[in-house]
Amino acid sequence: MHVGDQAVPLTHKALQFRARHGCYHIDSDLGGRDAALELDEQGYKDAIALCASEGVTLEMTHISIPESITLALPDRDKDIEKCARLLVRVR
């Protein structure tokens, strides 16, 4: 089991604070739950590298699941594809 924290802003100050207090495992919304869906592969690599530079591991990210998926609205298939592309980018 690890001590961790959720919704951590990705700034050196916030990461240093966590590391100083023994919290080396975090998750982040990467600037907003909707923003995480738009990041490219390099954006995720940069976030992981920033965390690593402070001795912290980025374990996961939060994303917003579009309402069209949960409510079966007309844009559902398009939004499912968008989420699937995100998973491919971050593997």
N, C-alpha and C. Protein backbone atom coordinates (compact mmCIF):
# COMPACT_ATOMS: atom_id res chain seq x y z
N MET A 1 0.84 -1.16 0.00
CA MET A 1 0.00 0.00 0.00
C MET A 1 0.89 1.24 0.00
N HIS A 2 0.44 2.27 -0.71
CA HIS A 2 1.20 3.52 -0.80
C HIS A 2 0.35 4.68 -0.32
N VAL A 3 1.01 5.66 0.27
CA VAL A 3 0.36 6.93 0.55
C VAL A 3 0.25 7.67 -0.77
N GLY A 4 -0.91 8.22 -1.06
CA GLY A 4 -1.11 8.94 -2.30
C GLY A 4 -2.01 10.14 -2.10
N ASP A 5 -2.17 10.90 -3.18
CA ASP A 5 -3.02 12.09 -3.15
C ASP A 5 -3.72 12.21 -4.49
N GLN A 6 -4.89 12.82 -4.46
CA GLN A 6 -5.68 12.96 -5.68
C GLN A 6 -5.79 14.41 -6.10
N ALA A 7 -6.01 14.59 -7.41
CA ALA A 7 -6.25 15.91 -8.01
C ALA A 7 -5.13 16.90 -7.69
N VAL A 8 -3.91 16.43 -7.79
CA VAL A 8 -2.73 17.26 -7.49
C VAL A 8 -2.42 18.15 -8.69
N PRO A 9 -2.28 19.46 -8.48
CA PRO A 9 -1.84 20.32 -9.58
C PRO A 9 -0.40 19.98 -9.97
N LEU A 10 -0.12 20.01 -11.23
CA LEU A 10 1.23 19.65 -11.68
C LEU A 10 2.12 20.89 -11.73
N THR A 11 2.54 21.29 -10.54
CA THR A 11 3.51 22.38 -10.40
C THR A 11 4.65 21.85 -9.53
N HIS A 12 5.82 22.43 -9.71
CA HIS A 12 6.97 22.00 -8.90
C HIS A 12 6.65 22.18 -7.41
N LYS A 13 6.03 23.30 -7.06
CA LYS A 13 5.72 23.57 -5.65
C LYS A 13 4.79 22.50 -5.07
N ALA A 14 3.74 22.15 -5.79
CA ALA A 14 2.79 21.15 -5.29
C ALA A 14 3.45 19.77 -5.19
N LEU A 15 4.27 19.43 -6.16
CA LEU A 15 4.95 18.12 -6.15
C LEU A 15 5.99 18.06 -5.04
N GLN A 16 6.73 19.14 -4.85
CA GLN A 16 7.72 19.19 -3.77
C GLN A 16 7.05 19.05 -2.41
N PHE A 17 5.89 19.68 -2.24
CA PHE A 17 5.14 19.58 -0.99
C PHE A 17 4.78 18.12 -0.71
N ARG A 18 4.25 17.42 -1.72
CA ARG A 18 3.87 16.02 -1.53
C ARG A 18 5.09 15.17 -1.17
N ALA A 19 6.17 15.34 -1.91
CA ALA A 19 7.37 14.54 -1.67
C ALA A 19 7.95 14.81 -0.27
N ARG A 20 7.93 16.07 0.13
CA ARG A 20 8.46 16.44 1.44
C ARG A 20 7.68 15.76 2.57
N HIS A 21 6.41 15.47 2.31
CA HIS A 21 5.56 14.85 3.34
C HIS A 21 5.35 13.36 3.10
N GLY A 22 6.20 12.76 2.25
CA GLY A 22 6.17 11.32 2.07
C GLY A 22 5.11 10.79 1.14
N CYS A 23 4.54 11.64 0.34
CA CYS A 23 3.51 11.23 -0.62
C CYS A 23 4.15 11.17 -2.01
N TYR A 24 4.47 9.96 -2.46
CA TYR A 24 5.20 9.80 -3.72
C TYR A 24 4.35 9.25 -4.85
N HIS A 25 3.07 9.11 -4.64
CA HIS A 25 2.16 8.56 -5.65
C HIS A 25 0.95 9.48 -5.75
N ILE A 26 0.70 10.00 -6.96
CA ILE A 26 -0.40 10.95 -7.12
C ILE A 26 -1.23 10.60 -8.34
N ASP A 27 -2.41 11.22 -8.39
CA ASP A 27 -3.13 11.31 -9.64
C ASP A 27 -3.44 12.79 -9.86
N SER A 28 -3.71 13.14 -11.07
CA SER A 28 -3.92 14.54 -11.42
C SER A 28 -4.96 14.63 -12.52
N ASP A 29 -5.63 15.77 -12.59
CA ASP A 29 -6.54 15.98 -13.71
C ASP A 29 -5.84 16.69 -14.87
N LEU A 30 -4.55 16.91 -14.75
CA LEU A 30 -3.71 17.50 -15.79
C LEU A 30 -4.25 18.83 -16.30
N GLY A 31 -4.75 19.63 -15.40
CA GLY A 31 -5.23 20.96 -15.80
C GLY A 31 -6.73 21.02 -16.04
N GLY A 32 -7.44 20.00 -15.72
CA GLY A 32 -8.89 19.97 -15.90
C GLY A 32 -9.31 18.64 -16.50
N ARG A 33 -10.41 18.11 -16.04
CA ARG A 33 -10.84 16.79 -16.50
C ARG A 33 -11.06 16.75 -18.00
N ASP A 34 -11.54 17.85 -18.59
CA ASP A 34 -11.72 17.89 -20.04
C ASP A 34 -10.38 18.04 -20.75
N ALA A 35 -9.43 18.74 -20.11
CA ALA A 35 -8.12 18.96 -20.72
C ALA A 35 -7.38 17.64 -20.93
N ALA A 36 -7.57 16.70 -20.02
CA ALA A 36 -6.88 15.41 -20.13
C ALA A 36 -7.26 14.67 -21.40
N LEU A 37 -8.49 14.84 -21.86
CA LEU A 37 -8.93 14.18 -23.10
C LEU A 37 -8.22 14.75 -24.32
N GLU A 38 -7.74 15.99 -24.23
CA GLU A 38 -7.15 16.67 -25.38
C GLU A 38 -5.62 16.54 -25.46
N LEU A 39 -4.97 16.09 -24.40
CA LEU A 39 -3.51 16.00 -24.41
C LEU A 39 -3.02 14.96 -25.40
N ASP A 40 -1.89 15.27 -26.03
CA ASP A 40 -1.28 14.29 -26.92
C ASP A 40 -0.28 13.44 -26.11
N GLU A 41 0.32 12.50 -26.79
CA GLU A 41 1.25 11.59 -26.12
C GLU A 41 2.39 12.35 -25.45
N GLN A 42 2.91 13.37 -26.12
CA GLN A 42 4.02 14.14 -25.55
C GLN A 42 3.58 14.89 -24.30
N GLY A 43 2.36 15.36 -24.29
CA GLY A 43 1.83 16.05 -23.11
C GLY A 43 1.82 15.14 -21.89
N TYR A 44 1.42 13.89 -22.09
CA TYR A 44 1.44 12.92 -20.99
C TYR A 44 2.87 12.60 -20.56
N LYS A 45 3.76 12.44 -21.53
CA LYS A 45 5.16 12.16 -21.19
C LYS A 45 5.76 13.32 -20.41
N ASP A 46 5.43 14.54 -20.78
CA ASP A 46 5.92 15.72 -20.06
C ASP A 46 5.41 15.74 -18.63
N ALA A 47 4.13 15.39 -18.43
CA ALA A 47 3.55 15.37 -17.08
C ALA A 47 4.24 14.31 -16.23
N ILE A 48 4.49 13.14 -16.81
CA ILE A 48 5.17 12.07 -16.09
C ILE A 48 6.60 12.49 -15.72
N ALA A 49 7.29 13.14 -16.67
CA ALA A 49 8.66 13.60 -16.43
C ALA A 49 8.71 14.68 -15.36
N LEU A 50 7.75 15.59 -15.36
CA LEU A 50 7.70 16.64 -14.35
C LEU A 50 7.57 16.01 -12.96
N CYS A 51 6.67 15.06 -12.83
CA CYS A 51 6.49 14.37 -11.55
C CYS A 51 7.78 13.65 -11.14
N ALA A 52 8.37 12.94 -12.08
CA ALA A 52 9.59 12.18 -11.78
C ALA A 52 10.73 13.11 -11.35
N SER A 53 10.77 14.32 -11.91
CA SER A 53 11.84 15.25 -11.54
C SER A 53 11.77 15.65 -10.07
N GLU A 54 10.60 15.47 -9.45
CA GLU A 54 10.44 15.78 -8.02
C GLU A 54 10.33 14.51 -7.18
N GLY A 55 10.58 13.34 -7.79
CA GLY A 55 10.56 12.09 -7.06
C GLY A 55 9.16 11.54 -6.80
N VAL A 56 8.20 11.96 -7.61
CA VAL A 56 6.80 11.56 -7.45
C VAL A 56 6.37 10.78 -8.69
N THR A 57 5.52 9.78 -8.51
CA THR A 57 5.02 8.98 -9.62
C THR A 57 3.58 9.38 -9.93
N LEU A 58 3.34 9.72 -11.20
CA LEU A 58 1.97 10.00 -11.66
C LEU A 58 1.32 8.66 -11.95
N GLU A 59 0.41 8.24 -11.08
CA GLU A 59 -0.21 6.92 -11.18
C GLU A 59 -1.40 6.88 -12.12
N MET A 60 -2.19 7.95 -12.17
CA MET A 60 -3.36 7.97 -13.04
C MET A 60 -3.83 9.40 -13.24
N THR A 61 -4.75 9.57 -14.18
CA THR A 61 -5.35 10.87 -14.43
C THR A 61 -6.86 10.75 -14.37
N HIS A 62 -7.49 11.86 -14.06
CA HIS A 62 -8.95 11.94 -14.07
C HIS A 62 -9.39 12.49 -15.41
N ILE A 63 -10.43 11.93 -15.97
CA ILE A 63 -11.04 12.49 -17.17
C ILE A 63 -12.54 12.57 -16.95
N SER A 64 -13.17 13.44 -17.71
CA SER A 64 -14.62 13.51 -17.68
C SER A 64 -15.16 12.61 -18.77
N ILE A 65 -16.03 11.72 -18.40
CA ILE A 65 -16.71 10.89 -19.41
C ILE A 65 -17.84 11.75 -19.97
N PRO A 66 -17.85 12.00 -21.28
CA PRO A 66 -18.89 12.85 -21.85
C PRO A 66 -20.29 12.31 -21.56
N GLU A 67 -21.22 13.23 -21.32
CA GLU A 67 -22.60 12.85 -21.04
C GLU A 67 -23.21 12.04 -22.17
N SER A 68 -22.76 12.29 -23.39
CA SER A 68 -23.33 11.56 -24.52
C SER A 68 -23.13 10.05 -24.37
N ILE A 69 -22.06 9.65 -23.68
CA ILE A 69 -21.81 8.22 -23.47
C ILE A 69 -22.75 7.68 -22.40
N THR A 70 -22.83 8.36 -21.29
CA THR A 70 -23.64 7.84 -20.18
C THR A 70 -25.13 7.94 -20.45
N LEU A 71 -25.54 8.89 -21.29
CA LEU A 71 -26.96 9.06 -21.57
C LEU A 71 -27.36 8.54 -22.95
N ALA A 72 -26.43 7.92 -23.66
CA ALA A 72 -26.69 7.37 -25.00
C ALA A 72 -27.25 8.42 -25.95
N LEU A 73 -26.63 9.59 -25.98
CA LEU A 73 -27.04 10.68 -26.87
C LEU A 73 -26.43 10.46 -28.26
N PRO A 74 -26.86 11.24 -29.25
CA PRO A 74 -26.41 11.03 -30.64
C PRO A 74 -24.89 11.05 -30.85
N ASP A 75 -24.14 11.83 -30.09
CA ASP A 75 -22.69 11.91 -30.27
C ASP A 75 -21.94 10.81 -29.53
N ARG A 76 -22.64 9.85 -29.00
CA ARG A 76 -22.06 8.80 -28.16
C ARG A 76 -20.89 8.09 -28.83
N ASP A 77 -21.07 7.60 -30.05
CA ASP A 77 -20.02 6.84 -30.72
C ASP A 77 -18.78 7.69 -30.97
N LYS A 78 -18.98 8.95 -31.34
CA LYS A 78 -17.85 9.86 -31.58
C LYS A 78 -17.07 10.07 -30.27
N ASP A 79 -17.78 10.24 -29.17
CA ASP A 79 -17.11 10.47 -27.89
C ASP A 79 -16.44 9.21 -27.35
N ILE A 80 -17.01 8.05 -27.60
CA ILE A 80 -16.35 6.79 -27.24
C ILE A 80 -15.03 6.67 -27.99
N GLU A 81 -15.05 7.02 -29.26
CA GLU A 81 -13.83 6.97 -30.08
C GLU A 81 -12.77 7.94 -29.53
N LYS A 82 -13.22 9.11 -29.09
CA LYS A 82 -12.30 10.10 -28.51
C LYS A 82 -11.64 9.54 -27.24
N CYS A 83 -12.41 8.89 -26.39
CA CYS A 83 -11.86 8.28 -25.17
C CYS A 83 -10.92 7.13 -25.52
N ALA A 84 -11.26 6.35 -26.54
CA ALA A 84 -10.40 5.24 -26.96
C ALA A 84 -9.06 5.76 -27.48
N ARG A 85 -9.08 6.86 -28.23
CA ARG A 85 -7.82 7.44 -28.72
C ARG A 85 -6.95 7.89 -27.55
N LEU A 86 -7.58 8.42 -26.50
CA LEU A 86 -6.83 8.81 -25.30
C LEU A 86 -6.11 7.61 -24.72
N LEU A 87 -6.78 6.48 -24.59
CA LEU A 87 -6.15 5.29 -24.03
C LEU A 87 -4.98 4.82 -24.87
N VAL A 88 -5.09 4.92 -26.18
CA VAL A 88 -3.99 4.54 -27.06
C VAL A 88 -2.79 5.47 -26.86
N ARG A 89 -3.07 6.77 -26.70
CA ARG A 89 -1.98 7.74 -26.54
C ARG A 89 -1.19 7.53 -25.26
N VAL A 90 -1.82 7.05 -24.20
CA VAL A 90 -1.15 7.00 -22.91
C VAL A 90 -0.59 5.63 -22.55
N ARG A 91 -0.73 4.63 -23.39
CA ARG A 91 -0.20 3.32 -23.01
C ARG A 91 1.30 3.30 -22.98
